[in-house]
Amino acid sequence: MAQLLIRDLQTETVNLLKEKAKQHNRSLQREVKAILEEAAIKPSVFEIRTIAEKWRKRLNATGKTFSDSAKLLREDRKR
C-alpha cells in the first residue's frame, strides 16, 4: 500500500480531525484514511455535470417532451 505524508496542517485542522476520529471510535490515521477514500470515490461537480449533460442529450434526442415533475409532486401533495 502507498503512503502519504501531509505537511504543515493547521493545528486546528488536526484537532478537528481528532474530534471526528473520536466520534467515530477510530484512530486519527483511520479517520483521515476514511475521509480520503470517500473523497476519492465521490464524483466531482464537473463529472456530475458531464453525466447530466449526456442524459439531457439522450432525452432530447428522443424528441419527446417531459413535464415538470415538481409541478406534478405539488399537485399530488394537495390531495
C-alpha atoms as a PDB file:
ATOM      1  CA  MET A   1       0.000   0.000   0.000  1.00  0.00           C
ATOM      2  CA  ALA A   2       1.075   3.526  -0.721  1.00  0.00           C
ATOM      3  CA  GLN A   3       1.813   6.037   1.994  1.00  0.00           C
ATOM      4  CA  LEU A   4       1.065   9.727   2.031  1.00  0.00           C
ATOM      5  CA  LEU A   5       2.685  12.466   4.090  1.00  0.00           C
ATOM      6  CA  ILE A   6       0.856  15.744   4.612  1.00  0.00           C
ATOM      7  CA  ARG A   7       2.926  18.614   5.941  1.00  0.00           C
ATOM      8  CA  ASP A   8       2.055  21.939   7.503  1.00  0.00           C
ATOM      9  CA  LEU A   9      -1.517  21.239   8.563  1.00  0.00           C
ATOM     10  CA  GLN A  10      -3.027  23.847  10.822  1.00  0.00           C
ATOM     11  CA  THR A  11      -3.228  22.746  14.458  1.00  0.00           C
ATOM     12  CA  GLU A  12      -6.965  23.475  14.429  1.00  0.00           C
ATOM     13  CA  THR A  13      -7.425  21.154  11.439  1.00  0.00           C
ATOM     14  CA  VAL A  14      -5.648  18.336  13.247  1.00  0.00           C
ATOM     15  CA  ASN A  15      -7.736  18.954  16.363  1.00  0.00           C
ATOM     16  CA  LEU A  16     -10.958  18.823  14.330  1.00  0.00           C
ATOM     17  CA  LEU A  17      -9.841  15.584  12.699  1.00  0.00           C
ATOM     18  CA  LYS A  18      -9.042  14.133  16.120  1.00  0.00           C
ATOM     19  CA  GLU A  19     -12.552  15.032  17.291  1.00  0.00           C
ATOM     20  CA  LYS A  20     -14.095  13.355  14.250  1.00  0.00           C
ATOM     21  CA  ALA A  21     -11.958  10.278  14.865  1.00  0.00           C
ATOM     22  CA  LYS A  22     -13.099  10.168  18.470  1.00  0.00           C
ATOM     23  CA  GLN A  23     -16.755  10.464  17.430  1.00  0.00           C
ATOM     24  CA  HIS A  24     -16.324   7.522  15.043  1.00  0.00           C
ATOM     25  CA  ASN A  25     -14.255   5.473  17.508  1.00  0.00           C
ATOM     26  CA  ARG A  26     -11.266   5.457  15.160  1.00  0.00           C
ATOM     27  CA  SER A  27      -7.645   6.401  15.341  1.00  0.00           C
ATOM     28  CA  LEU A  28      -6.643   9.648  13.682  1.00  0.00           C
ATOM     29  CA  GLN A  29      -4.944   7.689  10.893  1.00  0.00           C
ATOM     30  CA  ARG A  30      -8.033   5.550  10.230  1.00  0.00           C
ATOM     31  CA  GLU A  31     -10.264   8.628  10.229  1.00  0.00           C
ATOM     32  CA  VAL A  32      -8.096  10.505   7.724  1.00  0.00           C
ATOM     33  CA  LYS A  33      -7.859   7.367   5.574  1.00  0.00           C
ATOM     34  CA  ALA A  34     -11.657   7.002   5.577  1.00  0.00           C
ATOM     35  CA  ILE A  35     -12.127  10.673   4.651  1.00  0.00           C
ATOM     36  CA  LEU A  36      -9.629  10.450   1.788  1.00  0.00           C
ATOM     37  CA  GLU A  37     -11.062   7.195   0.441  1.00  0.00           C
ATOM     38  CA  GLU A  38     -14.594   8.615   0.490  1.00  0.00           C
ATOM     39  CA  ALA A  39     -13.466  11.829  -1.210  1.00  0.00           C
ATOM     40  CA  ALA A  40     -11.613   9.883  -3.892  1.00  0.00           C
ATOM     41  CA  ILE A  41     -14.666   7.865  -4.984  1.00  0.00           C
ATOM     42  CA  LYS A  42     -17.169  10.738  -4.938  1.00  0.00           C
ATOM     43  CA  PRO A  43     -17.699  12.210  -8.377  1.00  0.00           C
ATOM     44  CA  SER A  44     -16.669  15.819  -8.780  1.00  0.00           C
ATOM     45  CA  VAL A  45     -19.134  18.563  -9.708  1.00  0.00           C
ATOM     46  CA  PHE A  46     -17.622  18.553 -13.199  1.00  0.00           C
ATOM     47  CA  GLU A  47     -18.203  14.788 -13.538  1.00  0.00           C
ATOM     48  CA  ILE A  48     -21.810  15.117 -12.349  1.00  0.00           C
ATOM     49  CA  ARG A  49     -22.465  17.939 -14.808  1.00  0.00           C
ATOM     50  CA  THR A  50     -20.959  15.871 -17.624  1.00  0.00           C
ATOM     51  CA  ILE A  51     -23.199  12.908 -16.783  1.00  0.00           C
ATOM     52  CA  ALA A  52     -26.269  15.161 -16.549  1.00  0.00           C
ATOM     53  CA  GLU A  53     -25.473  16.734 -19.919  1.00  0.00           C
ATOM     54  CA  LYS A  54     -25.152  13.291 -21.533  1.00  0.00           C
ATOM     55  CA  TRP A  55     -28.560  12.324 -20.146  1.00  0.00           C
ATOM     56  CA  ARG A  56     -30.052  15.621 -21.309  1.00  0.00           C
ATOM     57  CA  LYS A  57     -28.770  14.974 -24.823  1.00  0.00           C
ATOM     58  CA  ARG A  58     -30.100  11.408 -24.810  1.00  0.00           C
ATOM     59  CA  LEU A  59     -33.538  12.546 -23.640  1.00  0.00           C
ATOM     60  CA  ASN A  60     -33.656  15.439 -26.115  1.00  0.00           C
ATOM     61  CA  ALA A  61     -32.720  13.050 -28.923  1.00  0.00           C
ATOM     62  CA  THR A  62     -35.939  11.075 -28.317  1.00  0.00           C
ATOM     63  CA  GLY A  63     -37.993  14.066 -29.445  1.00  0.00           C
ATOM     64  CA  LYS A  64     -40.333  13.619 -26.502  1.00  0.00           C
ATOM     65  CA  THR A  65     -41.247  16.400 -24.125  1.00  0.00           C
ATOM     66  CA  PHE A  66     -41.201  15.832 -20.407  1.00  0.00           C
ATOM     67  CA  SER A  67     -43.379  17.524 -17.834  1.00  0.00           C
ATOM     68  CA  ASP A  68     -42.062  19.340 -14.797  1.00  0.00           C
ATOM     69  CA  SER A  69     -42.081  16.713 -12.052  1.00  0.00           C
ATOM     70  CA  ALA A  70     -42.049  19.391  -9.320  1.00  0.00           C
ATOM     71  CA  LYS A  71     -45.440  20.608 -10.513  1.00  0.00           C
ATOM     72  CA  LEU A  72     -46.817  17.068 -10.501  1.00  0.00           C
ATOM     73  CA  LEU A  73     -45.498  16.467  -6.979  1.00  0.00           C
ATOM     74  CA  ARG A  74     -47.105  19.669  -5.695  1.00  0.00           C
ATOM     75  CA  GLU A  75     -50.437  18.675  -7.199  1.00  0.00           C
ATOM     76  CA  ASP A  76     -50.170  15.201  -5.680  1.00  0.00           C
ATOM     77  CA  ARG A  77     -49.426  16.615  -2.213  1.00  0.00           C
ATOM     78  CA  LYS A  78     -52.543  18.763  -2.329  1.00  0.00           C
ATOM     79  CA  ARG A  79     -54.742  15.644  -2.457  1.00  0.00           C
END
